[in-house]
Amino acid sequence: MDSHSAPIANIGTGERRKRLVWGIVASVAGVAIAIVLAIIHAPLIWRLPLFVLFLVGALGIFQARAKTCVKLAARGQRDMDSGPQAIPDAAELQQVQRQARAVYVKSAVTAAILTALALIP
């Protein structure tokens, strides 16, 4: 498969829903904390840990959208809501692992941008 192949899901509907919920919760918490820190004029250093919340949020949302669990991809597995199973096809596994790398990159960039915005005095 080439890098432009159709996405291959390695998580089912239930697993995607869990990641989406956690992603939204972490993102909302990060934004809420950023607003509070801005209102109280907290030192900028206190805002740096927001990166972790924004990263968790972005990972959850992007995993749900890509139908790709990065942890399972690293293990060469999928969970289509019936428990983890190995991905036997090498080409399919490579595609899922490419998707997982893309999820990591998008998540890190998103978290960095949101953290930078939170650092604006």
N, C-alpha and C. Protein backbone atom coordinates (compact mmCIF):
# COMPACT_ATOMS: atom_id res chain seq x y z
N MET A 1 0.84 -1.18 0.00
CA MET A 1 0.00 0.00 0.00
C MET A 1 0.88 1.24 0.00
N ASP A 2 0.46 2.27 -0.74
CA ASP A 2 1.22 3.50 -0.71
C ASP A 2 0.67 4.43 0.36
N SER A 3 1.33 5.57 0.54
CA SER A 3 0.95 6.48 1.61
C SER A 3 -0.40 7.15 1.38
N HIS A 4 -0.96 6.99 0.18
CA HIS A 4 -2.26 7.59 -0.14
C HIS A 4 -3.38 6.56 -0.11
N SER A 5 -3.12 5.41 0.47
CA SER A 5 -4.14 4.37 0.56
C SER A 5 -5.26 4.81 1.50
N ALA A 6 -6.41 4.20 1.28
CA ALA A 6 -7.56 4.51 2.14
C ALA A 6 -7.24 4.12 3.58
N PRO A 7 -7.73 4.91 4.53
CA PRO A 7 -7.48 4.60 5.94
C PRO A 7 -8.02 3.22 6.31
N ILE A 8 -7.32 2.57 7.20
CA ILE A 8 -7.73 1.26 7.71
C ILE A 8 -7.98 1.42 9.20
N ALA A 9 -9.18 1.08 9.63
CA ALA A 9 -9.52 1.21 11.05
C ALA A 9 -8.84 0.10 11.86
N ASN A 10 -8.31 0.48 13.02
CA ASN A 10 -7.84 -0.55 13.95
C ASN A 10 -8.59 -0.46 15.28
N ILE A 11 -9.63 0.41 15.31
CA ILE A 11 -10.53 0.46 16.48
C ILE A 11 -11.97 0.58 15.99
N GLY A 12 -12.86 -0.07 16.73
CA GLY A 12 -14.28 -0.07 16.39
C GLY A 12 -15.01 1.15 16.95
N THR A 13 -16.29 1.16 16.75
CA THR A 13 -17.14 2.28 17.15
C THR A 13 -17.05 2.59 18.64
N GLY A 14 -17.13 1.59 19.47
CA GLY A 14 -17.07 1.81 20.92
C GLY A 14 -15.74 2.38 21.36
N GLU A 15 -14.66 1.87 20.80
CA GLU A 15 -13.33 2.37 21.13
C GLU A 15 -13.14 3.81 20.65
N ARG A 16 -13.67 4.11 19.46
CA ARG A 16 -13.59 5.49 18.95
C ARG A 16 -14.37 6.44 19.86
N ARG A 17 -15.54 6.00 20.30
CA ARG A 17 -16.37 6.85 21.18
C ARG A 17 -15.62 7.16 22.47
N LYS A 18 -14.97 6.16 23.07
CA LYS A 18 -14.20 6.38 24.30
C LYS A 18 -13.12 7.42 24.10
N ARG A 19 -12.40 7.31 23.00
CA ARG A 19 -11.31 8.24 22.73
C ARG A 19 -11.85 9.65 22.47
N LEU A 20 -12.95 9.73 21.76
CA LEU A 20 -13.54 11.04 21.48
C LEU A 20 -13.99 11.72 22.77
N VAL A 21 -14.64 10.98 23.65
CA VAL A 21 -15.10 11.55 24.91
C VAL A 21 -13.91 12.03 25.74
N TRP A 22 -12.88 11.20 25.89
CA TRP A 22 -11.70 11.61 26.65
C TRP A 22 -11.02 12.81 26.01
N GLY A 23 -10.98 12.81 24.68
CA GLY A 23 -10.37 13.93 23.98
C GLY A 23 -11.10 15.23 24.22
N ILE A 24 -12.42 15.18 24.17
CA ILE A 24 -13.22 16.38 24.40
C ILE A 24 -13.08 16.84 25.85
N VAL A 25 -13.15 15.91 26.78
CA VAL A 25 -13.02 16.26 28.21
C VAL A 25 -11.66 16.92 28.48
N ALA A 26 -10.59 16.34 27.98
CA ALA A 26 -9.26 16.91 28.21
C ALA A 26 -9.11 18.27 27.54
N SER A 27 -9.66 18.41 26.35
CA SER A 27 -9.57 19.69 25.63
C SER A 27 -10.34 20.78 26.35
N VAL A 28 -11.55 20.46 26.77
CA VAL A 28 -12.36 21.44 27.49
C VAL A 28 -11.70 21.82 28.81
N ALA A 29 -11.15 20.84 29.50
CA ALA A 29 -10.44 21.12 30.76
C ALA A 29 -9.24 22.03 30.49
N GLY A 30 -8.50 21.75 29.44
CA GLY A 30 -7.34 22.58 29.11
C GLY A 30 -7.73 24.01 28.80
N VAL A 31 -8.79 24.18 28.02
CA VAL A 31 -9.25 25.53 27.69
C VAL A 31 -9.75 26.25 28.95
N ALA A 32 -10.52 25.55 29.77
CA ALA A 32 -11.05 26.16 31.00
C ALA A 32 -9.93 26.60 31.93
N ILE A 33 -8.94 25.74 32.11
CA ILE A 33 -7.81 26.08 32.97
C ILE A 33 -7.02 27.25 32.38
N ALA A 34 -6.84 27.25 31.06
CA ALA A 34 -6.13 28.35 30.41
C ALA A 34 -6.85 29.67 30.64
N ILE A 35 -8.17 29.65 30.55
CA ILE A 35 -8.95 30.88 30.77
C ILE A 35 -8.79 31.35 32.21
N VAL A 36 -8.89 30.42 33.16
CA VAL A 36 -8.74 30.79 34.57
C VAL A 36 -7.35 31.37 34.82
N LEU A 37 -6.33 30.72 34.29
CA LEU A 37 -4.96 31.21 34.48
C LEU A 37 -4.77 32.60 33.87
N ALA A 38 -5.42 32.84 32.73
CA ALA A 38 -5.32 34.17 32.11
C ALA A 38 -6.05 35.21 32.95
N ILE A 39 -7.21 34.85 33.47
CA ILE A 39 -8.00 35.79 34.28
C ILE A 39 -7.26 36.20 35.54
N ILE A 40 -6.59 35.23 36.18
CA ILE A 40 -5.89 35.55 37.42
C ILE A 40 -4.45 36.05 37.17
N HIS A 41 -4.12 36.22 35.89
CA HIS A 41 -2.79 36.70 35.50
C HIS A 41 -1.68 35.82 36.09
N ALA A 42 -1.88 34.53 35.99
CA ALA A 42 -0.89 33.58 36.50
C ALA A 42 0.39 33.69 35.67
N PRO A 43 1.52 33.42 36.29
CA PRO A 43 2.79 33.43 35.54
C PRO A 43 2.71 32.47 34.35
N LEU A 44 3.39 32.86 33.29
CA LEU A 44 3.35 32.06 32.07
C LEU A 44 3.84 30.64 32.29
N ILE A 45 4.78 30.45 33.20
CA ILE A 45 5.32 29.12 33.47
C ILE A 45 4.23 28.16 33.94
N TRP A 46 3.22 28.68 34.62
CA TRP A 46 2.12 27.85 35.10
C TRP A 46 1.27 27.32 33.94
N ARG A 47 1.37 27.96 32.81
CA ARG A 47 0.54 27.57 31.66
C ARG A 47 1.20 26.48 30.81
N LEU A 48 2.47 26.27 30.99
CA LEU A 48 3.17 25.25 30.19
C LEU A 48 2.60 23.83 30.35
N PRO A 49 2.22 23.42 31.57
CA PRO A 49 1.66 22.07 31.70
C PRO A 49 0.35 21.85 30.93
N LEU A 50 -0.24 22.93 30.46
CA LEU A 50 -1.45 22.78 29.63
C LEU A 50 -1.15 21.94 28.39
N PHE A 51 0.13 21.94 27.98
CA PHE A 51 0.50 21.13 26.81
C PHE A 51 0.05 19.68 26.98
N VAL A 52 0.19 19.14 28.18
CA VAL A 52 -0.19 17.75 28.44
C VAL A 52 -1.69 17.54 28.22
N LEU A 53 -2.50 18.43 28.79
CA LEU A 53 -3.95 18.31 28.59
C LEU A 53 -4.33 18.46 27.13
N PHE A 54 -3.72 19.44 26.46
CA PHE A 54 -4.02 19.63 25.05
C PHE A 54 -3.56 18.45 24.20
N LEU A 55 -2.44 17.84 24.58
CA LEU A 55 -1.96 16.67 23.85
C LEU A 55 -2.91 15.49 24.04
N VAL A 56 -3.32 15.24 25.27
CA VAL A 56 -4.26 14.14 25.55
C VAL A 56 -5.56 14.38 24.78
N GLY A 57 -6.04 15.62 24.81
CA GLY A 57 -7.27 15.94 24.10
C GLY A 57 -7.15 15.72 22.61
N ALA A 58 -6.07 16.22 22.04
CA ALA A 58 -5.86 16.07 20.60
C ALA A 58 -5.68 14.61 20.22
N LEU A 59 -4.92 13.86 21.03
CA LEU A 59 -4.75 12.43 20.73
C LEU A 59 -6.09 11.71 20.70
N GLY A 60 -6.93 11.97 21.69
CA GLY A 60 -8.24 11.33 21.73
C GLY A 60 -9.08 11.66 20.52
N ILE A 61 -9.14 12.93 20.19
CA ILE A 61 -9.96 13.37 19.06
C ILE A 61 -9.41 12.86 17.74
N PHE A 62 -8.11 12.98 17.53
CA PHE A 62 -7.53 12.54 16.26
C PHE A 62 -7.55 11.01 16.11
N GLN A 63 -7.40 10.28 17.22
CA GLN A 63 -7.52 8.82 17.13
C GLN A 63 -8.94 8.43 16.71
N ALA A 64 -9.92 9.09 17.31
CA ALA A 64 -11.31 8.79 16.96
C ALA A 64 -11.58 9.10 15.49
N ARG A 65 -11.11 10.24 15.04
CA ARG A 65 -11.34 10.64 13.64
C ARG A 65 -10.63 9.71 12.66
N ALA A 66 -9.41 9.30 13.00
CA ALA A 66 -8.62 8.44 12.10
C ALA A 66 -8.96 6.96 12.26
N LYS A 67 -9.80 6.65 13.25
CA LYS A 67 -10.16 5.26 13.55
C LYS A 67 -8.90 4.44 13.82
N THR A 68 -7.95 5.10 14.49
CA THR A 68 -6.64 4.50 14.70
C THR A 68 -6.17 4.71 16.13
N CYS A 69 -5.97 3.62 16.86
CA CYS A 69 -5.39 3.70 18.19
C CYS A 69 -3.88 3.60 18.06
N VAL A 70 -3.17 4.61 18.53
CA VAL A 70 -1.72 4.64 18.38
C VAL A 70 -1.05 3.54 19.20
N LYS A 71 -1.58 3.26 20.39
CA LYS A 71 -1.00 2.23 21.24
C LYS A 71 -1.16 0.85 20.61
N LEU A 72 -2.35 0.56 20.10
CA LEU A 72 -2.57 -0.73 19.44
C LEU A 72 -1.74 -0.84 18.17
N ALA A 73 -1.61 0.26 17.43
CA ALA A 73 -0.80 0.24 16.21
C ALA A 73 0.65 -0.11 16.53
N ALA A 74 1.17 0.43 17.63
CA ALA A 74 2.54 0.14 18.03
C ALA A 74 2.72 -1.33 18.38
N ARG A 75 1.65 -1.94 18.88
CA ARG A 75 1.69 -3.37 19.24
C ARG A 75 1.33 -4.27 18.06
N GLY A 76 0.96 -3.68 16.92
CA GLY A 76 0.56 -4.48 15.77
C GLY A 76 -0.82 -5.11 15.96
N GLN A 77 -1.71 -4.37 16.65
CA GLN A 77 -3.02 -4.92 16.98
C GLN A 77 -4.15 -4.00 16.54
N ARG A 78 -5.35 -4.55 16.63
CA ARG A 78 -6.58 -3.80 16.44
C ARG A 78 -7.57 -4.24 17.49
N ASP A 79 -8.58 -3.39 17.75
CA ASP A 79 -9.67 -3.75 18.67
C ASP A 79 -10.96 -3.23 18.06
N MET A 80 -11.65 -4.10 17.41
CA MET A 80 -12.90 -3.74 16.75
C MET A 80 -14.07 -3.99 17.70
N ASP A 81 -13.88 -3.64 18.97
CA ASP A 81 -14.86 -3.76 20.05
C ASP A 81 -15.05 -5.19 20.52
N SER A 82 -14.12 -6.06 20.19
CA SER A 82 -14.21 -7.44 20.67
C SER A 82 -12.91 -7.89 21.33
N GLY A 83 -12.08 -6.92 21.70
CA GLY A 83 -10.80 -7.23 22.33
C GLY A 83 -9.66 -7.15 21.33
N PRO A 84 -8.46 -6.91 21.82
CA PRO A 84 -7.29 -6.77 20.93
C PRO A 84 -6.99 -8.06 20.17
N GLN A 85 -6.65 -7.88 18.91
CA GLN A 85 -6.25 -8.99 18.04
C GLN A 85 -5.08 -8.52 17.18
N ALA A 86 -4.22 -9.44 16.83
CA ALA A 86 -3.08 -9.11 15.99
C ALA A 86 -3.54 -8.76 14.57
N ILE A 87 -2.81 -7.86 13.94
CA ILE A 87 -3.05 -7.54 12.52
C ILE A 87 -2.08 -8.40 11.73
N PRO A 88 -2.58 -9.45 11.09
CA PRO A 88 -1.68 -10.40 10.44
C PRO A 88 -1.09 -9.91 9.11
N ASP A 89 -1.79 -9.05 8.41
CA ASP A 89 -1.35 -8.59 7.09
C ASP A 89 -0.31 -7.47 7.24
N ALA A 90 0.88 -7.69 6.70
CA ALA A 90 1.98 -6.73 6.87
C ALA A 90 1.66 -5.37 6.23
N ALA A 91 1.05 -5.37 5.06
CA ALA A 91 0.72 -4.11 4.39
C ALA A 91 -0.33 -3.33 5.18
N GLU A 92 -1.31 -4.04 5.72
CA GLU A 92 -2.34 -3.40 6.54
C GLU A 92 -1.71 -2.81 7.81
N LEU A 93 -0.81 -3.56 8.42
CA LEU A 93 -0.14 -3.08 9.63
C LEU A 93 0.69 -1.83 9.33
N GLN A 94 1.40 -1.82 8.22
CA GLN A 94 2.19 -0.64 7.84
C GLN A 94 1.30 0.58 7.67
N GLN A 95 0.14 0.38 7.03
CA GLN A 95 -0.78 1.50 6.82
C GLN A 95 -1.31 2.02 8.15
N VAL A 96 -1.68 1.12 9.05
CA VAL A 96 -2.17 1.52 10.38
C VAL A 96 -1.07 2.26 11.14
N GLN A 97 0.15 1.80 11.03
CA GLN A 97 1.26 2.47 11.72
C GLN A 97 1.55 3.84 11.12
N ARG A 98 1.38 4.00 9.80
CA ARG A 98 1.51 5.32 9.19
C ARG A 98 0.42 6.26 9.72
N GLN A 99 -0.78 5.74 9.82
CA GLN A 99 -1.89 6.53 10.35
C GLN A 99 -1.61 6.96 11.79
N ALA A 100 -1.05 6.04 12.58
CA ALA A 100 -0.73 6.34 13.98
C ALA A 100 0.31 7.45 14.05
N ARG A 101 1.33 7.40 13.19
CA ARG A 101 2.34 8.46 13.18
C ARG A 101 1.71 9.81 12.84
N ALA A 102 0.79 9.80 11.89
CA ALA A 102 0.10 11.04 11.52
C ALA A 102 -0.72 11.57 12.69
N VAL A 103 -1.35 10.69 13.44
CA VAL A 103 -2.13 11.10 14.62
C VAL A 103 -1.18 11.75 15.64
N TYR A 104 -0.03 11.15 15.88
CA TYR A 104 0.94 11.73 16.82
C TYR A 104 1.37 13.13 16.37
N VAL A 105 1.71 13.27 15.10
CA VAL A 105 2.19 14.56 14.60
C VAL A 105 1.10 15.62 14.71
N LYS A 106 -0.11 15.31 14.24
CA LYS A 106 -1.21 16.27 14.32
C LYS A 106 -1.49 16.66 15.77
N SER A 107 -1.44 15.69 16.65
CA SER A 107 -1.72 15.94 18.06
C SER A 107 -0.66 16.84 18.69
N ALA A 108 0.60 16.56 18.41
CA ALA A 108 1.68 17.37 18.97
C ALA A 108 1.63 18.80 18.45
N VAL A 109 1.37 18.96 17.16
CA VAL A 109 1.29 20.30 16.57
C VAL A 109 0.10 21.05 17.16
N THR A 110 -1.04 20.39 17.27
CA THR A 110 -2.23 21.02 17.85
C THR A 110 -1.98 21.44 19.29
N ALA A 111 -1.39 20.54 20.08
CA ALA A 111 -1.10 20.86 21.48
C ALA A 111 -0.12 22.02 21.59
N ALA A 112 0.88 22.06 20.72
CA ALA A 112 1.85 23.15 20.75
C ALA A 112 1.18 24.48 20.40
N ILE A 113 0.31 24.49 19.42
CA ILE A 113 -0.38 25.72 19.02
C ILE A 113 -1.28 26.20 20.16
N LEU A 114 -2.06 25.28 20.73
CA LEU A 114 -2.96 25.67 21.82
C LEU A 114 -2.19 26.16 23.04
N THR A 115 -1.06 25.53 23.32
CA THR A 115 -0.24 25.97 24.44
C THR A 115 0.34 27.35 24.15
N ALA A 116 0.79 27.57 22.93
CA ALA A 116 1.32 28.88 22.56
C ALA A 116 0.24 29.95 22.72
N LEU A 117 -0.97 29.64 22.32
CA LEU A 117 -2.08 30.59 22.49
C LEU A 117 -2.33 30.88 23.96
N ALA A 118 -2.20 29.85 24.80
CA ALA A 118 -2.42 30.02 26.24
C ALA A 118 -1.31 30.87 26.88
N LEU A 119 -0.18 30.95 26.22
CA LEU A 119 0.95 31.73 26.74
C LEU A 119 0.87 33.21 26.38
N ILE A 120 -0.09 33.58 25.54
CA ILE A 120 -0.24 34.98 25.18
C ILE A 120 -0.72 35.74 26.42
N PRO A 121 0.05 36.76 26.82
CA PRO A 121 -0.30 37.48 28.05
C PRO A 121 -1.59 38.29 27.93
